[in-house]
Amino acid sequence: MRINYYRFPENADEQAMLEEGCGVVLKDGVTIYPDYIPDDKRALVDHVDGTVGGISVTHAKQLLKKYGGSAWTEHCDRDGGVFEVTDIQLQGNNSKYKYNRHL
């Protein structure tokens, strides 16, 4: 199984991260996924998590092209452990792994 992730650069706009599906981590540790953060609730926010997971390679490449940042794929085996992490790049094919040799 492959799970794709994208991480925004450090200087990314908060509203853009929220629009793309990043979570907001509250001070009590709970993560929520709002469209925006109201000014009266900002005191409850610890930080905006700049990582989006569970996306397609195509969407990761689109985000890379639009915002910069980094993207990667975690290759998982049957018991859920990650056996390889590969970077997603704008140029080229990102699916060169044959899983029958790893399992």
PDB file of N, CA and C in Angstrom:
ATOM      1  N   MET A   1       0.850  -1.161   0.000  1.00  0.00           N
ATOM      2  CA  MET A   1       0.000   0.000   0.000  1.00  0.00           C
ATOM      3  C   MET A   1       0.902   1.231   0.000  1.00  0.00           C
ATOM      4  N   ARG A   2       0.448   2.281  -0.649  1.00  0.00           N
ATOM      5  CA  ARG A   2       1.184   3.543  -0.692  1.00  0.00           C
ATOM      6  C   ARG A   2       0.308   4.663  -0.138  1.00  0.00           C
ATOM      7  N   ILE A   3       0.893   5.494   0.692  1.00  0.00           N
ATOM      8  CA  ILE A   3       0.210   6.660   1.228  1.00  0.00           C
ATOM      9  C   ILE A   3       1.050   7.879   0.873  1.00  0.00           C
ATOM     10  N   ASN A   4       0.431   8.839   0.206  1.00  0.00           N
ATOM     11  CA  ASN A   4       1.128  10.028  -0.260  1.00  0.00           C
ATOM     12  C   ASN A   4       0.858  11.209   0.670  1.00  0.00           C
ATOM     13  N   TYR A   5       1.891  12.007   0.889  1.00  0.00           N
ATOM     14  CA  TYR A   5       1.811  13.170   1.764  1.00  0.00           C
ATOM     15  C   TYR A   5       2.391  14.391   1.063  1.00  0.00           C
ATOM     16  N   TYR A   6       1.926  15.541   1.467  1.00  0.00           N
ATOM     17  CA  TYR A   6       2.487  16.809   1.003  1.00  0.00           C
ATOM     18  C   TYR A   6       2.671  17.709   2.220  1.00  0.00           C
ATOM     19  N   ARG A   7       3.821  18.385   2.302  1.00  0.00           N
ATOM     20  CA  ARG A   7       4.080  19.328   3.392  1.00  0.00           C
ATOM     21  C   ARG A   7       4.319  20.712   2.793  1.00  0.00           C
ATOM     22  N   PHE A   8       3.582  21.696   3.302  1.00  0.00           N
ATOM     23  CA  PHE A   8       3.732  23.073   2.866  1.00  0.00           C
ATOM     24  C   PHE A   8       5.078  23.623   3.335  1.00  0.00           C
ATOM     25  N   PRO A   9       5.630  24.612   2.620  1.00  0.00           N
ATOM     26  CA  PRO A   9       6.856  25.260   3.103  1.00  0.00           C
ATOM     27  C   PRO A   9       6.571  26.074   4.372  1.00  0.00           C
ATOM     28  N   GLU A  10       7.615  26.420   5.089  1.00  0.00           N
ATOM     29  CA  GLU A  10       7.478  27.126   6.368  1.00  0.00           C
ATOM     30  C   GLU A  10       6.739  28.459   6.229  1.00  0.00           C
ATOM     31  N   ASN A  11       6.919  29.161   5.125  1.00  0.00           N
ATOM     32  CA  ASN A  11       6.347  30.488   4.974  1.00  0.00           C
ATOM     33  C   ASN A  11       4.992  30.475   4.264  1.00  0.00           C
ATOM     34  N   ALA A  12       4.328  29.342   4.235  1.00  0.00           N
ATOM     35  CA  ALA A  12       3.050  29.212   3.514  1.00  0.00           C
ATOM     36  C   ALA A  12       1.942  30.000   4.205  1.00  0.00           C
ATOM     37  N   ASP A  13       1.015  30.478   3.419  1.00  0.00           N
ATOM     38  CA  ASP A  13      -0.128  31.220   3.913  1.00  0.00           C
ATOM     39  C   ASP A  13      -1.072  30.285   4.676  1.00  0.00           C
ATOM     40  N   GLU A  14      -1.477  30.710   5.857  1.00  0.00           N
ATOM     41  CA  GLU A  14      -2.349  29.882   6.698  1.00  0.00           C
ATOM     42  C   GLU A  14      -3.674  29.562   6.014  1.00  0.00           C
ATOM     43  N   GLN A  15      -4.273  30.546   5.365  1.00  0.00           N
ATOM     44  CA  GLN A  15      -5.564  30.327   4.716  1.00  0.00           C
ATOM     45  C   GLN A  15      -5.433  29.332   3.566  1.00  0.00           C
ATOM     46  N   ALA A  16      -4.340  29.379   2.829  1.00  0.00           N
ATOM     47  CA  ALA A  16      -4.118  28.419   1.745  1.00  0.00           C
ATOM     48  C   ALA A  16      -4.000  27.003   2.302  1.00  0.00           C
ATOM     49  N   MET A  17      -3.317  26.853   3.435  1.00  0.00           N
ATOM     50  CA  MET A  17      -3.193  25.525   4.045  1.00  0.00           C
ATOM     51  C   MET A  17      -4.553  24.996   4.475  1.00  0.00           C
ATOM     52  N   LEU A  18      -5.388  25.853   5.045  1.00  0.00           N
ATOM     53  CA  LEU A  18      -6.720  25.426   5.470  1.00  0.00           C
ATOM     54  C   LEU A  18      -7.582  25.046   4.276  1.00  0.00           C
ATOM     55  N   GLU A  19      -7.489  25.811   3.193  1.00  0.00           N
ATOM     56  CA  GLU A  19      -8.274  25.503   1.994  1.00  0.00           C
ATOM     57  C   GLU A  19      -7.859  24.184   1.357  1.00  0.00           C
ATOM     58  N   GLU A  20      -6.611  23.802   1.506  1.00  0.00           N
ATOM     59  CA  GLU A  20      -6.121  22.543   0.922  1.00  0.00           C
ATOM     60  C   GLU A  20      -6.326  21.345   1.837  1.00  0.00           C
ATOM     61  N   GLY A  21      -6.847  21.544   3.044  1.00  0.00           N
ATOM     62  CA  GLY A  21      -7.211  20.413   3.897  1.00  0.00           C
ATOM     63  C   GLY A  21      -6.307  20.148   5.080  1.00  0.00           C
ATOM     64  N   CYS A  22      -5.462  21.093   5.453  1.00  0.00           N
ATOM     65  CA  CYS A  22      -4.610  20.905   6.632  1.00  0.00           C
ATOM     66  C   CYS A  22      -5.452  20.989   7.902  1.00  0.00           C
ATOM     67  N   GLY A  23      -5.012  20.281   8.910  1.00  0.00           N
ATOM     68  CA  GLY A  23      -5.709  20.289  10.185  1.00  0.00           C
ATOM     69  C   GLY A  23      -5.235  21.406  11.092  1.00  0.00           C
ATOM     70  N   VAL A  24      -6.107  21.819  11.992  1.00  0.00           N
ATOM     71  CA  VAL A  24      -5.780  22.808  13.010  1.00  0.00           C
ATOM     72  C   VAL A  24      -5.689  22.061  14.330  1.00  0.00           C
ATOM     73  N   VAL A  25      -4.530  22.150  14.979  1.00  0.00           N
ATOM     74  CA  VAL A  25      -4.322  21.484  16.261  1.00  0.00           C
ATOM     75  C   VAL A  25      -4.641  22.488  17.362  1.00  0.00           C
ATOM     76  N   LEU A  26      -5.600  22.115  18.196  1.00  0.00           N
ATOM     77  CA  LEU A  26      -6.000  22.976  19.304  1.00  0.00           C
ATOM     78  C   LEU A  26      -5.065  22.767  20.489  1.00  0.00           C
ATOM     79  N   LYS A  27      -5.108  23.657  21.447  1.00  0.00           N
ATOM     80  CA  LYS A  27      -4.229  23.579  22.610  1.00  0.00           C
ATOM     81  C   LYS A  27      -4.497  22.355  23.469  1.00  0.00           C
ATOM     82  N   ASP A  28      -5.701  21.788  23.387  1.00  0.00           N
ATOM     83  CA  ASP A  28      -5.999  20.572  24.147  1.00  0.00           C
ATOM     84  C   ASP A  28      -5.598  19.303  23.394  1.00  0.00           C
ATOM     85  N   GLY A  29      -4.974  19.438  22.209  1.00  0.00           N
ATOM     86  CA  GLY A  29      -4.474  18.302  21.450  1.00  0.00           C
ATOM     87  C   GLY A  29      -5.404  17.763  20.382  1.00  0.00           C
ATOM     88  N   VAL A  30      -6.615  18.252  20.317  1.00  0.00           N
ATOM     89  CA  VAL A  30      -7.598  17.803  19.337  1.00  0.00           C
ATOM     90  C   VAL A  30      -7.297  18.466  17.990  1.00  0.00           C
ATOM     91  N   THR A  31      -7.441  17.697  16.911  1.00  0.00           N
ATOM     92  CA  THR A  31      -7.257  18.236  15.567  1.00  0.00           C
ATOM     93  C   THR A  31      -8.614  18.371  14.900  1.00  0.00           C
ATOM     94  N   ILE A  32      -8.852  19.560  14.333  1.00  0.00           N
ATOM     95  CA  ILE A  32     -10.096  19.820  13.601  1.00  0.00           C
ATOM     96  C   ILE A  32      -9.727  20.285  12.195  1.00  0.00           C
ATOM     97  N   TYR A  33     -10.686  20.269  11.296  1.00  0.00           N
ATOM     98  CA  TYR A  33     -10.453  20.623   9.899  1.00  0.00           C
ATOM     99  C   TYR A  33     -11.439  21.698   9.437  1.00  0.00           C
ATOM    100  N   PRO A  34     -11.267  22.942   9.914  1.00  0.00           N
ATOM    101  CA  PRO A  34     -12.180  24.015   9.515  1.00  0.00           C
ATOM    102  C   PRO A  34     -11.752  24.658   8.195  1.00  0.00           C
ATOM    103  N   ASP A  35     -12.644  25.446   7.616  1.00  0.00           N
ATOM    104  CA  ASP A  35     -12.322  26.207   6.404  1.00  0.00           C
ATOM    105  C   ASP A  35     -11.556  27.480   6.739  1.00  0.00           C
ATOM    106  N   TYR A  36     -11.745  27.997   7.926  1.00  0.00           N
ATOM    107  CA  TYR A  36     -11.031  29.194   8.376  1.00  0.00           C
ATOM    108  C   TYR A  36     -11.056  29.206   9.901  1.00  0.00           C
ATOM    109  N   ILE A  37     -10.230  30.070  10.498  1.00  0.00           N
ATOM    110  CA  ILE A  37     -10.179  30.198  11.955  1.00  0.00           C
ATOM    111  C   ILE A  37     -10.783  31.549  12.330  1.00  0.00           C
ATOM    112  N   PRO A  38     -11.927  31.549  13.023  1.00  0.00           N
ATOM    113  CA  PRO A  38     -12.520  32.822  13.438  1.00  0.00           C
ATOM    114  C   PRO A  38     -11.617  33.536  14.452  1.00  0.00           C
ATOM    115  N   ASP A  39     -11.633  34.848  14.439  1.00  0.00           N
ATOM    116  CA  ASP A  39     -10.782  35.631  15.339  1.00  0.00           C
ATOM    117  C   ASP A  39     -11.088  35.357  16.809  1.00  0.00           C
ATOM    118  N   ASP A  40     -12.346  35.111  17.134  1.00  0.00           N
ATOM    119  CA  ASP A  40     -12.697  34.868  18.533  1.00  0.00           C
ATOM    120  C   ASP A  40     -12.270  33.478  19.019  1.00  0.00           C
ATOM    121  N   LYS A  41     -11.920  32.573  18.134  1.00  0.00           N
ATOM    122  CA  LYS A  41     -11.470  31.220  18.510  1.00  0.00           C
ATOM    123  C   LYS A  41      -9.958  31.042  18.369  1.00  0.00           C
ATOM    124  N   ARG A  42      -9.249  32.058  17.896  1.00  0.00           N
ATOM    125  CA  ARG A  42      -7.808  31.954  17.640  1.00  0.00           C
ATOM    126  C   ARG A  42      -7.019  31.630  18.918  1.00  0.00           C
ATOM    127  N   ALA A  43      -7.508  32.042  20.078  1.00  0.00           N
ATOM    128  CA  ALA A  43      -6.819  31.760  21.338  1.00  0.00           C
ATOM    129  C   ALA A  43      -6.798  30.262  21.655  1.00  0.00           C
ATOM    130  N   LEU A  44      -7.718  29.490  21.071  1.00  0.00           N
ATOM    131  CA  LEU A  44      -7.776  28.051  21.310  1.00  0.00           C
ATOM    132  C   LEU A  44      -6.821  27.268  20.419  1.00  0.00           C
ATOM    133  N   VAL A  45      -6.254  27.919  19.400  1.00  0.00           N
ATOM    134  CA  VAL A  45      -5.436  27.232  18.396  1.00  0.00           C
ATOM    135  C   VAL A  45      -3.982  27.177  18.838  1.00  0.00           C
ATOM    136  N   ASP A  46      -3.396  25.981  18.760  1.00  0.00           N
ATOM    137  CA  ASP A  46      -1.964  25.814  19.017  1.00  0.00           C
ATOM    138  C   ASP A  46      -1.174  26.082  17.739  1.00  0.00           C
ATOM    139  N   HIS A  47      -1.521  25.367  16.648  1.00  0.00           N
ATOM    140  CA  HIS A  47      -0.857  25.575  15.359  1.00  0.00           C
ATOM    141  C   HIS A  47      -1.666  24.915  14.246  1.00  0.00           C
ATOM    142  N   VAL A  48      -1.320  25.279  13.016  1.00  0.00           N
ATOM    143  CA  VAL A  48      -1.909  24.641  11.838  1.00  0.00           C
ATOM    144  C   VAL A  48      -0.893  23.611  11.350  1.00  0.00           C
ATOM    145  N   ASP A  49      -1.330  22.362  11.248  1.00  0.00           N
ATOM    146  CA  ASP A  49      -0.459  21.295  10.771  1.00  0.00           C
ATOM    147  C   ASP A  49      -0.286  21.460   9.261  1.00  0.00           C
ATOM    148  N   GLY A  50       0.933  21.652   8.824  1.00  0.00           N
ATOM    149  CA  GLY A  50       1.204  21.942   7.422  1.00  0.00           C
ATOM    150  C   GLY A  50       1.324  20.726   6.539  1.00  0.00           C
ATOM    151  N   THR A  51       0.828  19.571   6.966  1.00  0.00           N
ATOM    152  CA  THR A  51       0.931  18.341   6.191  1.00  0.00           C
ATOM    153  C   THR A  51      -0.448  17.838   5.811  1.00  0.00           C
ATOM    154  N   VAL A  52      -0.598  17.467   4.530  1.00  0.00           N
ATOM    155  CA  VAL A  52      -1.834  16.867   4.029  1.00  0.00           C
ATOM    156  C   VAL A  52      -1.493  15.434   3.647  1.00  0.00           C
ATOM    157  N   GLY A  53      -2.276  14.466   4.120  1.00  0.00           N
ATOM    158  CA  GLY A  53      -2.008  13.057   3.836  1.00  0.00           C
ATOM    159  C   GLY A  53      -3.157  12.384   3.139  1.00  0.00           C
ATOM    160  N   GLY A  54      -2.871  11.211   2.574  1.00  0.00           N
ATOM    161  CA  GLY A  54      -3.907  10.436   1.916  1.00  0.00           C
ATOM    162  C   GLY A  54      -4.338  11.025   0.594  1.00  0.00           C
ATOM    163  N   ILE A  55      -3.436  11.656  -0.117  1.00  0.00           N
ATOM    164  CA  ILE A  55      -3.759  12.287  -1.392  1.00  0.00           C
ATOM    165  C   ILE A  55      -3.130  11.487  -2.527  1.00  0.00           C
ATOM    166  N   SER A  56      -3.539  11.770  -3.741  1.00  0.00           N
ATOM    167  CA  SER A  56      -2.966  11.092  -4.906  1.00  0.00           C
ATOM    168  C   SER A  56      -1.636  11.736  -5.278  1.00  0.00           C
ATOM    169  N   VAL A  57      -0.837  11.026  -6.046  1.00  0.00           N
ATOM    170  CA  VAL A  57       0.431  11.570  -6.535  1.00  0.00           C
ATOM    171  C   VAL A  57       0.161  12.797  -7.407  1.00  0.00           C
ATOM    172  N   THR A  58      -0.887  12.746  -8.208  1.00  0.00           N
ATOM    173  CA  THR A  58      -1.240  13.872  -9.061  1.00  0.00           C
ATOM    174  C   THR A  58      -1.542  15.115  -8.234  1.00  0.00           C
ATOM    175  N   HIS A  59      -2.316  14.954  -7.168  1.00  0.00           N
ATOM    176  CA  HIS A  59      -2.637  16.099  -6.304  1.00  0.00           C
ATOM    177  C   HIS A  59      -1.378  16.603  -5.607  1.00  0.00           C
ATOM    178  N   ALA A  60      -0.507  15.700  -5.176  1.00  0.00           N
ATOM    179  CA  ALA A  60       0.751  16.109  -4.544  1.00  0.00           C
ATOM    180  C   ALA A  60       1.599  16.922  -5.514  1.00  0.00           C
ATOM    181  N   LYS A  61       1.670  16.491  -6.768  1.00  0.00           N
ATOM    182  CA  LYS A  61       2.433  17.232  -7.780  1.00  0.00           C
ATOM    183  C   LYS A  61       1.811  18.602  -8.043  1.00  0.00           C
ATOM    184  N   GLN A  62       0.485  18.678  -8.041  1.00  0.00           N
ATOM    185  CA  GLN A  62      -0.181  19.966  -8.235  1.00  0.00           C
ATOM    186  C   GLN A  62       0.154  20.924  -7.090  1.00  0.00           C
ATOM    187  N   LEU A  63       0.153  20.414  -5.853  1.00  0.00           N
ATOM    188  CA  LEU A  63       0.490  21.248  -4.705  1.00  0.00           C
ATOM    189  C   LEU A  63       1.956  21.667  -4.744  1.00  0.00           C
ATOM    190  N   LEU A  64       2.845  20.766  -5.161  1.00  0.00           N
ATOM    191  CA  LEU A  64       4.257  21.103  -5.303  1.00  0.00           C
ATOM    192  C   LEU A  64       4.447  22.241  -6.304  1.00  0.00           C
ATOM    193  N   LYS A  65       3.760  22.141  -7.399  1.00  0.00           N
ATOM    194  CA  LYS A  65       3.883  23.155  -8.439  1.00  0.00           C
ATOM    195  C   LYS A  65       3.308  24.494  -7.969  1.00  0.00           C
ATOM    196  N   LYS A  66       2.215  24.455  -7.223  1.00  0.00           N
ATOM    197  CA  LYS A  66       1.532  25.677  -6.812  1.00  0.00           C
ATOM    198  C   LYS A  66       2.218  26.381  -5.632  1.00  0.00           C
ATOM    199  N   TYR A  67       2.648  25.607  -4.620  1.00  0.00           N
ATOM    200  CA  TYR A  67       3.152  26.199  -3.387  1.00  0.00           C
ATOM    201  C   TYR A  67       4.625  25.921  -3.101  1.00  0.00           C
ATOM    202  N   GLY A  68       5.227  24.949  -3.754  1.00  0.00           N
ATOM    203  CA  GLY A  68       6.573  24.519  -3.360  1.00  0.00           C
ATOM    204  C   GLY A  68       6.434  23.472  -2.270  1.00  0.00           C
ATOM    205  N   GLY A  69       7.369  23.430  -1.345  1.00  0.00           N
ATOM    206  CA  GLY A  69       7.290  22.474  -0.245  1.00  0.00           C
ATOM    207  C   GLY A  69       7.886  21.130  -0.617  1.00  0.00           C
ATOM    208  N   SER A  70       7.372  20.067  -0.027  1.00  0.00           N
ATOM    209  CA  SER A  70       7.879  18.720  -0.290  1.00  0.00           C
ATOM    210  C   SER A  70       6.731  17.720  -0.279  1.00  0.00           C
ATOM    211  N   ALA A  71       6.948  16.609  -0.974  1.00  0.00           N
ATOM    212  CA  ALA A  71       5.947  15.542  -1.028  1.00  0.00           C
ATOM    213  C   ALA A  71       6.670  14.213  -1.010  1.00  0.00           C
ATOM    214  N   TRP A  72       6.050  13.203  -0.435  1.00  0.00           N
ATOM    215  CA  TRP A  72       6.660  11.889  -0.359  1.00  0.00           C
ATOM    216  C   TRP A  72       5.595  10.810  -0.319  1.00  0.00           C
ATOM    217  N   THR A  73       6.050   9.589  -0.590  1.00  0.00           N
ATOM    218  CA  THR A  73       5.193   8.407  -0.536  1.00  0.00           C
ATOM    219  C   THR A  73       5.758   7.456   0.502  1.00  0.00           C
ATOM    220  N   GLU A  74       4.914   6.977   1.388  1.00  0.00           N
ATOM    221  CA  GLU A  74       5.298   5.942   2.344  1.00  0.00           C
ATOM    222  C   GLU A  74       4.763   4.615   1.828  1.00  0.00           C
ATOM    223  N   HIS A  75       5.664   3.659   1.636  1.00  0.00           N
ATOM    224  CA  HIS A  75       5.305   2.330   1.156  1.00  0.00           C
ATOM    225  C   HIS A  75       5.151   1.423   2.377  1.00  0.00           C
ATOM    226  N   CYS A  76       3.958   0.863   2.549  1.00  0.00           N
ATOM    227  CA  CYS A  76       3.634   0.067   3.737  1.00  0.00           C
ATOM    228  C   CYS A  76       3.473  -1.397   3.359  1.00  0.00           C
ATOM    229  N   ASP A  77       3.910  -2.282   4.253  1.00  0.00           N
ATOM    230  CA  ASP A  77       3.691  -3.708   4.014  1.00  0.00           C
ATOM    231  C   ASP A  77       2.379  -4.139   4.659  1.00  0.00           C
ATOM    232  N   ARG A  78       2.111  -5.425   4.635  1.00  0.00           N
ATOM    233  CA  ARG A  78       0.794  -5.921   5.058  1.00  0.00           C
ATOM    234  C   ARG A  78       0.478  -5.724   6.531  1.00  0.00           C
ATOM    235  N   ASP A  79       1.516  -5.678   7.376  1.00  0.00           N
ATOM    236  CA  ASP A  79       1.239  -5.470   8.797  1.00  0.00           C
ATOM    237  C   ASP A  79       1.188  -3.991   9.184  1.00  0.00           C
ATOM    238  N   GLY A  80       1.308  -3.093   8.196  1.00  0.00           N
ATOM    239  CA  GLY A  80       1.173  -1.671   8.443  1.00  0.00           C
ATOM    240  C   GLY A  80       2.478  -0.936   8.655  1.00  0.00           C
ATOM    241  N   GLY A  81       3.595  -1.651   8.671  1.00  0.00           N
ATOM    242  CA  GLY A  81       4.889  -0.999   8.840  1.00  0.00           C
ATOM    243  C   GLY A  81       5.363  -0.345   7.554  1.00  0.00           C
ATOM    244  N   VAL A  82       6.070   0.742   7.687  1.00  0.00           N
ATOM    245  CA  VAL A  82       6.615   1.446   6.531  1.00  0.00           C
ATOM    246  C   VAL A  82       7.978   0.841   6.211  1.00  0.00           C
ATOM    247  N   PHE A  83       8.139   0.332   4.972  1.00  0.00           N
ATOM    248  CA  PHE A  83       9.422  -0.254   4.610  1.00  0.00           C
ATOM    249  C   PHE A  83      10.231   0.619   3.667  1.00  0.00           C
ATOM    250  N   GLU A  84       9.625   1.673   3.136  1.00  0.00           N
ATOM    251  CA  GLU A  84      10.363   2.570   2.247  1.00  0.00           C
ATOM    252  C   GLU A  84       9.624   3.901   2.151  1.00  0.00           C
ATOM    253  N   VAL A  85      10.404   4.968   2.062  1.00  0.00           N
ATOM    254  CA  VAL A  85       9.862   6.311   1.846  1.00  0.00           C
ATOM    255  C   VAL A  85      10.567   6.881   0.624  1.00  0.00           C
ATOM    256  N   THR A  86       9.780   7.346  -0.351  1.00  0.00           N
ATOM    257  CA  THR A  86      10.350   7.924  -1.561  1.00  0.00           C
ATOM    258  C   THR A  86       9.797   9.324  -1.779  1.00  0.00           C
ATOM    259  N   ASP A  87      10.638  10.186  -2.307  1.00  0.00           N
ATOM    260  CA  ASP A  87      10.211  11.546  -2.613  1.00  0.00           C
ATOM    261  C   ASP A  87       9.359  11.562  -3.869  1.00  0.00           C
ATOM    262  N   ILE A  88       8.389  12.453  -3.907  1.00  0.00           N
ATOM    263  CA  ILE A  88       7.603  12.693  -5.113  1.00  0.00           C
ATOM    264  C   ILE A  88       8.212  13.917  -5.783  1.00  0.00           C
ATOM    265  N   GLN A  89       8.549  13.769  -7.039  1.00  0.00           N
ATOM    266  CA  GLN A  89       9.168  14.855  -7.788  1.00  0.00           C
ATOM    267  C   GLN A  89       8.250  15.276  -8.920  1.00  0.00           C
ATOM    268  N   LEU A  90       8.391  16.532  -9.340  1.00  0.00           N
ATOM    269  CA  LEU A  90       7.539  17.049 -10.409  1.00  0.00           C
ATOM    270  C   LEU A  90       7.820  16.356 -11.738  1.00  0.00           C
ATOM    271  N   GLN A  91       9.065  16.060 -12.010  1.00  0.00           N
ATOM    272  CA  GLN A  91       9.435  15.430 -13.273  1.00  0.00           C
ATOM    273  C   GLN A  91       9.520  13.914 -13.104  1.00  0.00           C
ATOM    274  N   GLY A  92       9.029  13.175 -14.084  1.00  0.00           N
ATOM    275  CA  GLY A  92       9.201  11.727 -14.099  1.00  0.00           C
ATOM    276  C   GLY A  92       8.061  10.952 -13.485  1.00  0.00           C
ATOM    277  N   ASN A  93       8.244   9.647 -13.522  1.00  0.00           N
ATOM    278  CA  ASN A  93       7.264   8.699 -13.017  1.00  0.00           C
ATOM    279  C   ASN A  93       7.630   8.346 -11.579  1.00  0.00           C
ATOM    280  N   ASN A  94       6.684   8.410 -10.672  1.00  0.00           N
ATOM    281  CA  ASN A  94       6.933   8.130  -9.258  1.00  0.00           C
ATOM    282  C   ASN A  94       6.455   6.744  -8.830  1.00  0.00           C
ATOM    283  N   SER A  95       6.214   5.840  -9.771  1.00  0.00           N
ATOM    284  CA  SER A  95       5.693   4.513  -9.401  1.00  0.00           C
ATOM    285  C   SER A  95       6.559   3.408  -9.989  1.00  0.00           C
ATOM    286  N   LYS A  96       7.799   3.310  -9.529  1.00  0.00           N
ATOM    287  CA  LYS A  96       8.722   2.307 -10.071  1.00  0.00           C
ATOM    288  C   LYS A  96       8.877   1.080  -9.173  1.00  0.00           C
ATOM    289  N   TYR A  97       8.118   0.972  -8.109  1.00  0.00           N
ATOM    290  CA  TYR A  97       8.307  -0.115  -7.159  1.00  0.00           C
ATOM    291  C   TYR A  97       7.386  -1.286  -7.445  1.00  0.00           C
ATOM    292  N   LYS A  98       7.940  -2.483  -7.396  1.00  0.00           N
ATOM    293  CA  LYS A  98       7.192  -3.723  -7.560  1.00  0.00           C
ATOM    294  C   LYS A  98       7.054  -4.347  -6.175  1.00  0.00           C
ATOM    295  N   TYR A  99       5.822  -4.488  -5.717  1.00  0.00           N
ATOM    296  CA  TYR A  99       5.615  -4.898  -4.344  1.00  0.00           C
ATOM    297  C   TYR A  99       5.850  -6.373  -4.095  1.00  0.00           C
ATOM    298  N   ASN A 100       5.769  -7.215  -5.088  1.00  0.00           N
ATOM    299  CA  ASN A 100       5.952  -8.629  -4.825  1.00  0.00           C
ATOM    300  C   ASN A 100       7.379  -8.952  -4.372  1.00  0.00           C
ATOM    301  N   ARG A 101       8.360  -8.116  -4.693  1.00  0.00           N
ATOM    302  CA  ARG A 101       9.722  -8.367  -4.227  1.00  0.00           C
ATOM    303  C   ARG A 101       9.911  -7.982  -2.767  1.00  0.00           C
ATOM    304  N   HIS A 102       9.028  -7.115  -2.210  1.00  0.00           N
ATOM    305  CA  HIS A 102       9.161  -6.683  -0.830  1.00  0.00           C
ATOM    306  C   HIS A 102       8.332  -7.502   0.140  1.00  0.00           C
ATOM    307  N   LEU A 103       7.299  -8.159  -0.326  1.00  0.00           N
ATOM    308  CA  LEU A 103       6.371  -8.831   0.602  1.00  0.00           C
ATOM    309  C   LEU A 103       6.628 -10.300   0.699  1.00  0.00           C
TER     310      LEU A 103
END
